[in-house]
Amino acid sequence: MARAALGWGVRDLAEKAGTTANTVSRFENGADALGGTLSKIEATLTAAGIVFIPAGSYQGDGGPGVRLRGAGEGG
């Protein structure tokens, strides 16, 4: 969802996060990834404007997810 919000493909995220497209694809398909790799991916998405919504933080129906930070929002 985060990549889609940014209009990025697997290769875009992999290049920006300093990992491989195969690693991103495997993780998105449910495989485990090293903590350092996950940290790089999360930091890259956050820097690009993605906000991660943890379970219990959303007011209303729904659960954990992501959204694109709006103009003027802090991060």
Protein backbone atom coordinates (compact mmCIF):
# COMPACT_ATOMS: atom_id res chain seq x y z
CA MET A 1 0.00 0.00 0.00
CA ALA A 2 2.83 2.39 0.82
CA ARG A 3 4.49 1.91 -2.57
CA ALA A 4 1.18 2.45 -4.35
CA ALA A 5 0.56 5.70 -2.46
CA LEU A 6 3.93 6.95 -3.68
CA GLY A 7 3.55 5.58 -7.19
CA TRP A 8 6.69 3.47 -6.75
CA GLY A 9 7.40 0.05 -8.19
CA VAL A 10 9.32 -2.70 -6.43
CA ARG A 11 12.55 -1.64 -8.12
CA ASP A 12 12.04 2.01 -7.10
CA LEU A 13 11.70 1.10 -3.42
CA ALA A 14 14.58 -1.37 -3.56
CA GLU A 15 16.92 1.18 -5.13
CA LYS A 16 15.98 3.95 -2.68
CA ALA A 17 16.26 1.60 0.34
CA GLY A 18 19.56 0.06 -0.75
CA THR A 19 18.27 -3.47 -1.10
CA THR A 20 17.22 -5.74 -3.96
CA ALA A 21 13.89 -5.96 -5.74
CA ASN A 22 13.77 -9.68 -4.87
CA THR A 23 14.05 -8.85 -1.17
CA VAL A 24 11.21 -6.30 -1.37
CA SER A 25 9.03 -8.75 -3.32
CA ARG A 26 9.70 -11.61 -0.91
CA PHE A 27 8.85 -9.41 2.09
CA GLU A 28 5.66 -8.12 0.47
CA ASN A 29 4.63 -11.71 -0.17
CA GLY A 30 4.96 -12.62 3.50
CA ALA A 31 8.51 -13.91 3.84
CA ASP A 32 10.75 -12.84 6.70
CA ALA A 33 13.38 -10.15 6.23
CA LEU A 34 16.32 -9.09 8.39
CA GLY A 35 15.61 -6.33 10.90
CA GLY A 36 18.16 -4.04 9.29
CA THR A 37 16.52 -4.45 5.90
CA LEU A 38 13.09 -3.70 7.35
CA SER A 39 14.48 -0.61 9.06
CA LYS A 40 15.91 0.66 5.76
CA ILE A 41 12.61 0.09 3.97
CA GLU A 42 10.59 1.77 6.73
CA ALA A 43 12.96 4.75 6.91
CA THR A 44 12.84 5.19 3.14
CA LEU A 45 9.04 5.13 3.06
CA THR A 46 8.75 7.47 6.05
CA ALA A 47 11.17 9.95 4.47
CA ALA A 48 9.03 9.91 1.33
CA GLY A 49 5.92 10.86 3.31
CA ILE A 50 4.37 7.58 4.41
CA VAL A 51 2.81 7.48 7.88
CA PHE A 52 2.43 4.05 9.47
CA ILE A 53 -0.77 3.63 11.50
CA PRO A 54 -0.37 1.05 14.27
CA ALA A 55 -3.24 -1.10 15.51
CA GLY A 56 -5.44 0.81 17.96
CA SER A 57 -4.37 4.24 16.72
CA TYR A 58 -7.10 4.75 14.16
CA GLN A 59 -10.33 6.45 15.18
CA GLY A 60 -13.16 4.54 13.50
CA ASP A 61 -13.39 1.26 11.66
CA GLY A 62 -10.19 -0.31 10.46
CA GLY A 63 -6.89 -1.45 11.76
CA PRO A 64 -3.23 -0.91 11.11
CA GLY A 65 -2.28 0.59 7.78
CA VAL A 66 -0.50 3.40 5.99
CA ARG A 67 -1.33 6.78 4.59
CA LEU A 68 0.50 9.52 2.75
CA ARG A 69 1.31 12.51 4.94
CA GLY A 70 -0.60 15.59 3.84
CA ALA A 71 0.90 18.98 3.10
CA GLY A 72 1.76 20.83 6.28
CA GLU A 73 1.73 17.71 8.49
CA GLY A 74 4.74 16.99 10.62
CA GLY A 75 6.42 13.66 10.46
